[in-house]
Amino acid sequence: MVENRPFVTFLSHLVLILGVVVIAFPLWMTFVASTHDQSTMLRSPVPLLPGPHLIENYRQVLFEGFGRGFGGAPIWLTLMNSTIMALGVALGKIAISIISAFAIVYFRFPFRMVFFWAIFVTLMLPVEVRIVPTYGVVARLGMLDAYSGLIIPLIASATATFLFRQFFLSVPDELTEAARVDGASPMRFFWDILLPMSRTSIAALFVIQFIYGWNQYLWPLLITTKESFYTVVMAVSRQANAVDATPSWNLLMAMALLAMLPPVLVVVFMQRQFVRGLVETEK
């Protein structure tokens, strides 16, 4: 039985409220800045309440862009590119990892564990070590300035392979034997039994990998030279670091909020499956 202590309850609520304020205040200021014009944002003090330019700023950012330099592409295009890249990376990582883990656990072939540890050792290699040879391969295959070049080099995941392998090892052998007695083929067993059992793990990994793909900056910066393939993270960074003029902070803040929206929606709508996939121990 939990003892009721009013002071402890008050203190815990106070700490939670302060935490929410600390986290939410920068987001509020970002929203406020996106509703004012540029001249207001360059004057002191910075306003704390929304202004009258919300619709105007968001319409310009979405459909017209900044109209100069690297920010000329409309944000709907960069949002679409980021969404395609994030979905491709997330789904590709899950598909390759779950099939790799299935092969390692349920098939007996020479050097099976050698291949697994070779995959696992790639966790020790930082992205910077692999980025130059990877760029060379992508360039030779003609995948620069293409969605395939944005997605394919990033879809291998040692972490996801390891997690799926550990889950498959926890599946009772009796289930495998029952499927074999019923005449199920390996792929039938994978599709009808293992895949449904893995749905919470798949959901958790999808959220993590979607955000990973959405936040990519270095790789898209390296292989894209056309504005039609810029991601939203690239667009925000390039406009914030403009050297020929003062950044349009009101438009930049509107762009930042739009860039946060898709990953936030993914987390909100998949929150229950994400939490279950992380904490569920009995399958």
C-alpha atoms as a PDB file:
ATOM      1  CA  MET A   1       0.000   0.000   0.000  1.00  0.00           C
ATOM      2  CA  VAL A   2       1.338   3.392  -1.031  1.00  0.00           C
ATOM      3  CA  GLU A   3       1.416   5.879   1.821  1.00  0.00           C
ATOM      4  CA  ASN A   4      -0.366   9.162   1.124  1.00  0.00           C
ATOM      5  CA  ARG A   5       1.974  12.072   1.786  1.00  0.00           C
ATOM      6  CA  PRO A   6       0.582  15.431   0.581  1.00  0.00           C
ATOM      7  CA  PHE A   7       3.964  17.161   0.604  1.00  0.00           C
ATOM      8  CA  VAL A   8       5.596  14.436  -1.494  1.00  0.00           C
ATOM      9  CA  THR A   9       2.667  14.509  -3.912  1.00  0.00           C
ATOM     10  CA  PHE A  10       2.895  18.296  -4.212  1.00  0.00           C
ATOM     11  CA  LEU A  11       6.661  18.153  -4.712  1.00  0.00           C
ATOM     12  CA  SER A  12       6.444  15.467  -7.399  1.00  0.00           C
ATOM     13  CA  HIS A  13       3.765  17.423  -9.261  1.00  0.00           C
ATOM     14  CA  LEU A  14       5.842  20.594  -8.994  1.00  0.00           C
ATOM     15  CA  VAL A  15       8.880  18.837 -10.468  1.00  0.00           C
ATOM     16  CA  LEU A  16       6.788  17.427 -13.315  1.00  0.00           C
ATOM     17  CA  ILE A  17       5.273  20.837 -14.077  1.00  0.00           C
ATOM     18  CA  LEU A  18       8.699  22.476 -14.094  1.00  0.00           C
ATOM     19  CA  GLY A  19       9.959  19.758 -16.419  1.00  0.00           C
ATOM     20  CA  VAL A  20       7.069  20.324 -18.815  1.00  0.00           C
ATOM     21  CA  VAL A  21       7.693  24.084 -18.770  1.00  0.00           C
ATOM     22  CA  VAL A  22      11.395  23.647 -19.479  1.00  0.00           C
ATOM     23  CA  ILE A  23      10.642  21.342 -22.414  1.00  0.00           C
ATOM     24  CA  ALA A  24       7.606  23.196 -23.781  1.00  0.00           C
ATOM     25  CA  PHE A  25       8.848  26.793 -23.504  1.00  0.00           C
ATOM     26  CA  PRO A  26      11.292  26.584 -26.466  1.00  0.00           C
ATOM     27  CA  LEU A  27       8.525  25.023 -28.563  1.00  0.00           C
ATOM     28  CA  TRP A  28       6.164  27.818 -27.560  1.00  0.00           C
ATOM     29  CA  MET A  29       8.749  30.449 -28.497  1.00  0.00           C
ATOM     30  CA  THR A  30       9.274  28.711 -31.832  1.00  0.00           C
ATOM     31  CA  PHE A  31       5.538  28.880 -32.512  1.00  0.00           C
ATOM     32  CA  VAL A  32       5.358  32.530 -31.411  1.00  0.00           C
ATOM     33  CA  ALA A  33       8.268  33.475 -33.677  1.00  0.00           C
ATOM     34  CA  SER A  34       6.566  31.768 -36.623  1.00  0.00           C
ATOM     35  CA  THR A  35       3.523  34.055 -36.268  1.00  0.00           C
ATOM     36  CA  HIS A  36       5.354  37.404 -36.474  1.00  0.00           C
ATOM     37  CA  ASP A  37       7.099  39.277 -39.272  1.00  0.00           C
ATOM     38  CA  GLN A  38      10.861  39.554 -39.635  1.00  0.00           C
ATOM     39  CA  SER A  39      11.156  43.110 -38.310  1.00  0.00           C
ATOM     40  CA  THR A  40       9.385  42.174 -35.072  1.00  0.00           C
ATOM     41  CA  MET A  41      11.731  39.257 -34.477  1.00  0.00           C
ATOM     42  CA  LEU A  42      14.790  41.489 -34.926  1.00  0.00           C
ATOM     43  CA  ARG A  43      13.620  43.973 -32.296  1.00  0.00           C
ATOM     44  CA  SER A  44      14.093  43.643 -28.562  1.00  0.00           C
ATOM     45  CA  PRO A  45      12.374  42.333 -26.513  1.00  0.00           C
ATOM     46  CA  VAL A  46      11.242  39.169 -28.261  1.00  0.00           C
ATOM     47  CA  PRO A  47       7.431  38.823 -28.093  1.00  0.00           C
ATOM     48  CA  LEU A  48       5.941  36.089 -25.929  1.00  0.00           C
ATOM     49  CA  LEU A  49       2.474  36.052 -27.527  1.00  0.00           C
ATOM     50  CA  PRO A  50       1.473  34.985 -31.063  1.00  0.00           C
ATOM     51  CA  GLY A  51       1.268  37.573 -33.797  1.00  0.00           C
ATOM     52  CA  PRO A  52      -1.021  38.159 -36.806  1.00  0.00           C
ATOM     53  CA  HIS A  53       1.143  36.577 -39.543  1.00  0.00           C
ATOM     54  CA  LEU A  54       0.603  32.872 -38.844  1.00  0.00           C
ATOM     55  CA  ILE A  55      -1.283  31.942 -42.031  1.00  0.00           C
ATOM     56  CA  GLU A  56       0.877  34.192 -44.200  1.00  0.00           C
ATOM     57  CA  ASN A  57       4.182  32.760 -42.914  1.00  0.00           C
ATOM     58  CA  TYR A  58       3.130  29.120 -43.134  1.00  0.00           C
ATOM     59  CA  ARG A  59       1.650  29.566 -46.596  1.00  0.00           C
ATOM     60  CA  GLN A  60       4.870  31.151 -47.862  1.00  0.00           C
ATOM     61  CA  VAL A  61       7.087  28.480 -46.324  1.00  0.00           C
ATOM     62  CA  LEU A  62       4.945  25.597 -47.558  1.00  0.00           C
ATOM     63  CA  PHE A  63       4.348  26.691 -51.132  1.00  0.00           C
ATOM     64  CA  GLU A  64       6.927  29.363 -51.990  1.00  0.00           C
ATOM     65  CA  GLY A  65       9.998  28.699 -49.841  1.00  0.00           C
ATOM     66  CA  PHE A  66      12.309  31.506 -48.792  1.00  0.00           C
ATOM     67  CA  GLY A  67      12.777  32.734 -52.312  1.00  0.00           C
ATOM     68  CA  ARG A  68      16.555  32.946 -52.151  1.00  0.00           C
ATOM     69  CA  GLY A  69      19.664  30.803 -51.898  1.00  0.00           C
ATOM     70  CA  PHE A  70      19.337  27.254 -50.645  1.00  0.00           C
ATOM     71  CA  GLY A  71      15.948  27.982 -49.148  1.00  0.00           C
ATOM     72  CA  GLY A  72      14.229  28.474 -52.488  1.00  0.00           C
ATOM     73  CA  ALA A  73      12.584  25.039 -52.535  1.00  0.00           C
ATOM     74  CA  PRO A  74       9.074  24.990 -51.015  1.00  0.00           C
ATOM     75  CA  ILE A  75       8.912  23.063 -47.781  1.00  0.00           C
ATOM     76  CA  TRP A  76       6.199  20.668 -48.973  1.00  0.00           C
ATOM     77  CA  LEU A  77       8.819  19.234 -51.360  1.00  0.00           C
ATOM     78  CA  THR A  78      11.479  18.794 -48.668  1.00  0.00           C
ATOM     79  CA  LEU A  79       8.878  17.306 -46.307  1.00  0.00           C
ATOM     80  CA  MET A  80       7.922  14.806 -48.999  1.00  0.00           C
ATOM     81  CA  ASN A  81      11.580  13.900 -49.564  1.00  0.00           C
ATOM     82  CA  SER A  82      12.170  13.427 -45.839  1.00  0.00           C
ATOM     83  CA  THR A  83       9.024  11.300 -45.518  1.00  0.00           C
ATOM     84  CA  ILE A  84      10.023   9.052 -48.426  1.00  0.00           C
ATOM     85  CA  MET A  85      13.527   8.697 -47.018  1.00  0.00           C
ATOM     86  CA  ALA A  86      12.379   8.021 -43.441  1.00  0.00           C
ATOM     87  CA  LEU A  87       9.758   5.459 -44.524  1.00  0.00           C
ATOM     88  CA  GLY A  88      12.205   3.761 -46.867  1.00  0.00           C
ATOM     89  CA  VAL A  89      14.922   3.563 -44.230  1.00  0.00           C
ATOM     90  CA  ALA A  90      12.557   2.323 -41.496  1.00  0.00           C
ATOM     91  CA  LEU A  91      10.795  -0.303 -43.607  1.00  0.00           C
ATOM     92  CA  GLY A  92      14.025  -1.383 -45.298  1.00  0.00           C
ATOM     93  CA  LYS A  93      15.883  -1.819 -42.005  1.00  0.00           C
ATOM     94  CA  ILE A  94      13.032  -3.858 -40.526  1.00  0.00           C
ATOM     95  CA  ALA A  95      12.622  -6.062 -43.621  1.00  0.00           C
ATOM     96  CA  ILE A  96      16.317  -6.870 -44.004  1.00  0.00           C
ATOM     97  CA  SER A  97      16.936  -7.294 -40.276  1.00  0.00           C
ATOM     98  CA  ILE A  98      14.007  -9.619 -39.584  1.00  0.00           C
ATOM     99  CA  ILE A  99      14.844 -11.833 -42.568  1.00  0.00           C
ATOM    100  CA  SER A 100      18.530 -11.911 -41.574  1.00  0.00           C
ATOM    101  CA  ALA A 101      17.662 -12.840 -37.985  1.00  0.00           C
ATOM    102  CA  PHE A 102      15.253 -15.545 -39.216  1.00  0.00           C
ATOM    103  CA  ALA A 103      17.973 -17.083 -41.384  1.00  0.00           C
ATOM    104  CA  ILE A 104      20.561 -16.998 -38.591  1.00  0.00           C
ATOM    105  CA  VAL A 105      18.282 -18.591 -35.989  1.00  0.00           C
ATOM    106  CA  TYR A 106      16.293 -21.173 -37.981  1.00  0.00           C
ATOM    107  CA  PHE A 107      18.693 -22.304 -40.705  1.00  0.00           C
ATOM    108  CA  ARG A 108      21.871 -24.306 -40.275  1.00  0.00           C
ATOM    109  CA  PHE A 109      24.511 -23.302 -42.816  1.00  0.00           C
ATOM    110  CA  PRO A 110      28.309 -23.019 -42.720  1.00  0.00           C
ATOM    111  CA  PHE A 111      29.769 -20.014 -40.887  1.00  0.00           C
ATOM    112  CA  ARG A 112      26.331 -18.993 -39.637  1.00  0.00           C
ATOM    113  CA  MET A 113      27.635 -17.356 -36.453  1.00  0.00           C
ATOM    114  CA  VAL A 114      30.575 -15.833 -38.308  1.00  0.00           C
ATOM    115  CA  PHE A 115      28.123 -13.940 -40.493  1.00  0.00           C
ATOM    116  CA  PHE A 116      26.141 -12.853 -37.451  1.00  0.00           C
ATOM    117  CA  TRP A 117      29.179 -11.513 -35.628  1.00  0.00           C
ATOM    118  CA  ALA A 118      30.380  -9.830 -38.817  1.00  0.00           C
ATOM    119  CA  ILE A 119      27.053  -7.985 -38.882  1.00  0.00           C
ATOM    120  CA  PHE A 120      27.274  -7.200 -35.172  1.00  0.00           C
ATOM    121  CA  VAL A 121      30.835  -5.831 -35.416  1.00  0.00           C
ATOM    122  CA  THR A 122      29.597  -3.083 -37.771  1.00  0.00           C
ATOM    123  CA  LEU A 123      28.187  -1.406 -34.644  1.00  0.00           C
ATOM    124  CA  MET A 124      31.784  -0.553 -33.738  1.00  0.00           C
ATOM    125  CA  LEU A 125      32.319   1.410 -36.950  1.00  0.00           C
ATOM    126  CA  PRO A 126      31.181   5.051 -36.873  1.00  0.00           C
ATOM    127  CA  VAL A 127      29.379   6.461 -39.881  1.00  0.00           C
ATOM    128  CA  GLU A 128      32.357   8.676 -40.767  1.00  0.00           C
ATOM    129  CA  VAL A 129      34.573   5.614 -41.298  1.00  0.00           C
ATOM    130  CA  ARG A 130      32.187   4.113 -43.845  1.00  0.00           C
ATOM    131  CA  ILE A 131      30.889   7.225 -45.540  1.00  0.00           C
ATOM    132  CA  VAL A 132      33.689   7.714 -48.112  1.00  0.00           C
ATOM    133  CA  PRO A 133      33.684   4.156 -49.534  1.00  0.00           C
ATOM    134  CA  THR A 134      29.883   4.108 -49.386  1.00  0.00           C
ATOM    135  CA  TYR A 135      29.767   7.333 -51.382  1.00  0.00           C
ATOM    136  CA  GLY A 136      32.119   5.809 -53.952  1.00  0.00           C
ATOM    137  CA  VAL A 137      29.869   2.781 -54.412  1.00  0.00           C
ATOM    138  CA  VAL A 138      26.731   4.928 -54.658  1.00  0.00           C
ATOM    139  CA  ALA A 139      28.371   7.221 -57.211  1.00  0.00           C
ATOM    140  CA  ARG A 140      29.497   4.286 -59.386  1.00  0.00           C
ATOM    141  CA  LEU A 141      25.984   2.842 -59.314  1.00  0.00           C
ATOM    142  CA  GLY A 142      24.538   6.152 -60.503  1.00  0.00           C
ATOM    143  CA  MET A 143      22.407   6.717 -57.400  1.00  0.00           C
ATOM    144  CA  LEU A 144      23.422  10.314 -56.668  1.00  0.00           C
ATOM    145  CA  ASP A 145      20.476  12.713 -56.551  1.00  0.00           C
ATOM    146  CA  ALA A 146      18.021   9.823 -56.286  1.00  0.00           C
ATOM    147  CA  TYR A 147      15.784   8.339 -53.617  1.00  0.00           C
ATOM    148  CA  SER A 148      17.600   5.026 -53.968  1.00  0.00           C
ATOM    149  CA  GLY A 149      20.855   6.727 -53.003  1.00  0.00           C
ATOM    150  CA  LEU A 150      19.208   8.327 -49.983  1.00  0.00           C
ATOM    151  CA  ILE A 151      17.666   5.090 -48.731  1.00  0.00           C
ATOM    152  CA  ILE A 152      19.573   1.943 -49.762  1.00  0.00           C
ATOM    153  CA  PRO A 153      22.964   2.692 -48.101  1.00  0.00           C
ATOM    154  CA  LEU A 154      21.227   3.262 -44.748  1.00  0.00           C
ATOM    155  CA  ILE A 155      18.908   0.257 -44.537  1.00  0.00           C
ATOM    156  CA  ALA A 156      21.370  -2.237 -43.009  1.00  0.00           C
ATOM    157  CA  SER A 157      20.957  -2.378 -39.218  1.00  0.00           C
ATOM    158  CA  ALA A 158      23.027  -4.566 -36.897  1.00  0.00           C
ATOM    159  CA  THR A 159      20.983  -3.395 -33.894  1.00  0.00           C
ATOM    160  CA  ALA A 160      17.653  -4.484 -35.375  1.00  0.00           C
ATOM    161  CA  THR A 161      19.149  -7.794 -36.509  1.00  0.00           C
ATOM    162  CA  PHE A 162      20.420  -8.463 -32.989  1.00  0.00           C
ATOM    163  CA  LEU A 163      17.061  -7.590 -31.393  1.00  0.00           C
ATOM    164  CA  PHE A 164      15.090  -9.829 -33.762  1.00  0.00           C
ATOM    165  CA  ARG A 165      17.595 -12.657 -33.241  1.00  0.00           C
ATOM    166  CA  GLN A 166      17.189 -12.449 -29.482  1.00  0.00           C
ATOM    167  CA  PHE A 167      13.397 -12.509 -29.837  1.00  0.00           C
ATOM    168  CA  PHE A 168      13.440 -15.512 -32.181  1.00  0.00           C
ATOM    169  CA  LEU A 169      15.688 -17.376 -29.735  1.00  0.00           C
ATOM    170  CA  SER A 170      13.000 -16.881 -27.059  1.00  0.00           C
ATOM    171  CA  VAL A 171      10.302 -18.550 -29.187  1.00  0.00           C
ATOM    172  CA  PRO A 172       9.620 -22.062 -27.751  1.00  0.00           C
ATOM    173  CA  ASP A 173      10.987 -24.942 -29.774  1.00  0.00           C
ATOM    174  CA  GLU A 174       7.616 -26.690 -29.364  1.00  0.00           C
ATOM    175  CA  LEU A 175       6.045 -24.023 -31.575  1.00  0.00           C
ATOM    176  CA  THR A 176       8.566 -24.698 -34.307  1.00  0.00           C
ATOM    177  CA  GLU A 177       8.044 -28.444 -34.034  1.00  0.00           C
ATOM    178  CA  ALA A 178       4.253 -28.035 -34.166  1.00  0.00           C
ATOM    179  CA  ALA A 179       4.528 -25.972 -37.335  1.00  0.00           C
ATOM    180  CA  ARG A 180       6.821 -28.578 -38.877  1.00  0.00           C
ATOM    181  CA  VAL A 181       4.401 -31.414 -37.981  1.00  0.00           C
ATOM    182  CA  ASP A 182       1.537 -29.463 -39.564  1.00  0.00           C
ATOM    183  CA  GLY A 183       3.536 -29.291 -42.781  1.00  0.00           C
ATOM    184  CA  ALA A 184       4.279 -25.563 -42.705  1.00  0.00           C
ATOM    185  CA  SER A 185       7.168 -24.474 -44.909  1.00  0.00           C
ATOM    186  CA  PRO A 186       9.868 -22.210 -43.407  1.00  0.00           C
ATOM    187  CA  MET A 187       8.426 -19.099 -45.055  1.00  0.00           C
ATOM    188  CA  ARG A 188       4.904 -20.110 -44.016  1.00  0.00           C
ATOM    189  CA  PHE A 189       6.130 -20.432 -40.424  1.00  0.00           C
ATOM    190  CA  PHE A 190       7.812 -17.040 -40.727  1.00  0.00           C
ATOM    191  CA  TRP A 191       4.816 -15.280 -42.283  1.00  0.00           C
ATOM    192  CA  ASP A 192       1.965 -16.799 -40.238  1.00  0.00           C
ATOM    193  CA  ILE A 193       3.621 -17.273 -36.831  1.00  0.00           C
ATOM    194  CA  LEU A 194       6.826 -15.304 -36.298  1.00  0.00           C
ATOM    195  CA  LEU A 195       5.746 -12.112 -38.052  1.00  0.00           C
ATOM    196  CA  PRO A 196       2.497 -11.643 -36.042  1.00  0.00           C
ATOM    197  CA  MET A 197       4.368 -12.438 -32.828  1.00  0.00           C
ATOM    198  CA  SER A 198       6.947  -9.754 -33.690  1.00  0.00           C
ATOM    199  CA  ARG A 199       4.490  -6.931 -34.327  1.00  0.00           C
ATOM    200  CA  THR A 200       5.233  -5.011 -31.112  1.00  0.00           C
ATOM    201  CA  SER A 201       8.979  -5.225 -31.716  1.00  0.00           C
ATOM    202  CA  ILE A 202       8.422  -4.147 -35.312  1.00  0.00           C
ATOM    203  CA  ALA A 203       6.356  -1.167 -34.159  1.00  0.00           C
ATOM    204  CA  ALA A 204       8.995  -0.059 -31.656  1.00  0.00           C
ATOM    205  CA  LEU A 205      11.781  -0.393 -34.207  1.00  0.00           C
ATOM    206  CA  PHE A 206       9.708   1.416 -36.837  1.00  0.00           C
ATOM    207  CA  VAL A 207       9.353   4.480 -34.600  1.00  0.00           C
ATOM    208  CA  ILE A 208      13.061   4.518 -33.766  1.00  0.00           C
ATOM    209  CA  GLN A 209      14.204   3.976 -37.349  1.00  0.00           C
ATOM    210  CA  PHE A 210      11.709   6.471 -38.795  1.00  0.00           C
ATOM    211  CA  ILE A 211      13.098   9.197 -36.536  1.00  0.00           C
ATOM    212  CA  TYR A 212      16.633   8.058 -37.399  1.00  0.00           C
ATOM    213  CA  GLY A 213      15.912   8.399 -41.107  1.00  0.00           C
ATOM    214  CA  TRP A 214      14.071  11.706 -40.656  1.00  0.00           C
ATOM    215  CA  ASN A 215      16.982  13.292 -38.748  1.00  0.00           C
ATOM    216  CA  GLN A 216      19.656  12.296 -41.258  1.00  0.00           C
ATOM    217  CA  TYR A 217      21.751  15.278 -42.330  1.00  0.00           C
ATOM    218  CA  LEU A 218      25.292  14.273 -43.303  1.00  0.00           C
ATOM    219  CA  TRP A 219      24.395  11.571 -45.833  1.00  0.00           C
ATOM    220  CA  PRO A 220      21.730  13.577 -47.754  1.00  0.00           C
ATOM    221  CA  LEU A 221      24.070  16.591 -47.708  1.00  0.00           C
ATOM    222  CA  LEU A 222      26.777  14.482 -49.319  1.00  0.00           C
ATOM    223  CA  ILE A 223      24.879  12.842 -52.154  1.00  0.00           C
ATOM    224  CA  THR A 224      22.321  15.497 -53.156  1.00  0.00           C
ATOM    225  CA  THR A 225      23.079  18.557 -55.271  1.00  0.00           C
ATOM    226  CA  LYS A 226      19.594  19.238 -56.640  1.00  0.00           C
ATOM    227  CA  GLU A 227      16.998  21.140 -54.624  1.00  0.00           C
ATOM    228  CA  SER A 228      14.360  18.642 -55.717  1.00  0.00           C
ATOM    229  CA  PHE A 229      16.014  16.029 -53.441  1.00  0.00           C
ATOM    230  CA  TYR A 230      16.785  18.214 -50.418  1.00  0.00           C
ATOM    231  CA  THR A 231      15.419  16.956 -47.108  1.00  0.00           C
ATOM    232  CA  VAL A 232      13.760  19.257 -44.605  1.00  0.00           C
ATOM    233  CA  VAL A 233      16.685  18.967 -42.173  1.00  0.00           C
ATOM    234  CA  MET A 234      19.027  20.178 -44.908  1.00  0.00           C
ATOM    235  CA  ALA A 235      16.688  23.042 -45.760  1.00  0.00           C
ATOM    236  CA  VAL A 236      16.486  24.213 -42.137  1.00  0.00           C
ATOM    237  CA  SER A 237      20.253  24.048 -41.684  1.00  0.00           C
ATOM    238  CA  ARG A 238      21.056  25.853 -44.919  1.00  0.00           C
ATOM    239  CA  GLN A 239      18.618  28.675 -44.246  1.00  0.00           C
ATOM    240  CA  ALA A 240      19.778  29.080 -40.641  1.00  0.00           C
ATOM    241  CA  ASN A 241      23.407  29.327 -41.798  1.00  0.00           C
ATOM    242  CA  ALA A 242      22.799  31.802 -44.615  1.00  0.00           C
ATOM    243  CA  VAL A 243      25.862  34.000 -45.048  1.00  0.00           C
ATOM    244  CA  ASP A 244      24.566  36.523 -47.541  1.00  0.00           C
ATOM    245  CA  ALA A 245      21.692  37.879 -45.430  1.00  0.00           C
ATOM    246  CA  THR A 246      20.101  37.839 -42.012  1.00  0.00           C
ATOM    247  CA  PRO A 247      18.074  34.642 -41.579  1.00  0.00           C
ATOM    248  CA  SER A 248      14.328  35.105 -41.808  1.00  0.00           C
ATOM    249  CA  TRP A 249      13.705  33.868 -38.293  1.00  0.00           C
ATOM    250  CA  ASN A 250       9.928  33.931 -38.548  1.00  0.00           C
ATOM    251  CA  LEU A 251       9.959  31.710 -41.651  1.00  0.00           C
ATOM    252  CA  LEU A 252      12.742  29.580 -40.225  1.00  0.00           C
ATOM    253  CA  MET A 253      10.736  28.881 -37.067  1.00  0.00           C
ATOM    254  CA  ALA A 254       7.685  27.987 -39.150  1.00  0.00           C
ATOM    255  CA  MET A 255       9.860  25.562 -41.098  1.00  0.00           C
ATOM    256  CA  ALA A 256      11.234  24.059 -37.885  1.00  0.00           C
ATOM    257  CA  LEU A 257       7.732  23.399 -36.539  1.00  0.00           C
ATOM    258  CA  LEU A 258       6.670  21.771 -39.797  1.00  0.00           C
ATOM    259  CA  ALA A 259       9.835  19.640 -39.704  1.00  0.00           C
ATOM    260  CA  MET A 260       8.943  18.404 -36.202  1.00  0.00           C
ATOM    261  CA  LEU A 261       5.357  17.530 -37.063  1.00  0.00           C
ATOM    262  CA  PRO A 262       5.719  14.159 -38.927  1.00  0.00           C
ATOM    263  CA  PRO A 263       7.957  12.412 -36.346  1.00  0.00           C
ATOM    264  CA  VAL A 264       5.749  13.736 -33.529  1.00  0.00           C
ATOM    265  CA  LEU A 265       2.668  12.308 -35.241  1.00  0.00           C
ATOM    266  CA  VAL A 266       4.398   8.941 -35.696  1.00  0.00           C
ATOM    267  CA  VAL A 267       5.287   8.804 -31.992  1.00  0.00           C
ATOM    268  CA  VAL A 268       1.790   9.902 -30.897  1.00  0.00           C
ATOM    269  CA  PHE A 269      -0.131   7.445 -33.058  1.00  0.00           C
ATOM    270  CA  MET A 270       2.226   4.533 -32.352  1.00  0.00           C
ATOM    271  CA  GLN A 271       2.888   5.328 -28.707  1.00  0.00           C
ATOM    272  CA  ARG A 272       1.103   2.284 -27.306  1.00  0.00           C
ATOM    273  CA  GLN A 273       2.800  -0.188 -29.644  1.00  0.00           C
ATOM    274  CA  PHE A 274       6.143   1.559 -29.122  1.00  0.00           C
ATOM    275  CA  VAL A 275       5.972   1.226 -25.331  1.00  0.00           C
ATOM    276  CA  ARG A 276       4.797  -2.389 -25.512  1.00  0.00           C
ATOM    277  CA  GLY A 277       7.608  -3.250 -27.889  1.00  0.00           C
ATOM    278  CA  LEU A 278      10.178  -1.822 -25.470  1.00  0.00           C
ATOM    279  CA  VAL A 279       8.871  -3.251 -22.183  1.00  0.00           C
ATOM    280  CA  GLU A 280       7.074  -6.443 -23.152  1.00  0.00           C
ATOM    281  CA  THR A 281       9.081  -9.450 -22.052  1.00  0.00           C
ATOM    282  CA  GLU A 282       6.625 -12.334 -22.459  1.00  0.00           C
ATOM    283  CA  LYS A 283       5.626 -12.973 -26.022  1.00  0.00           C
END
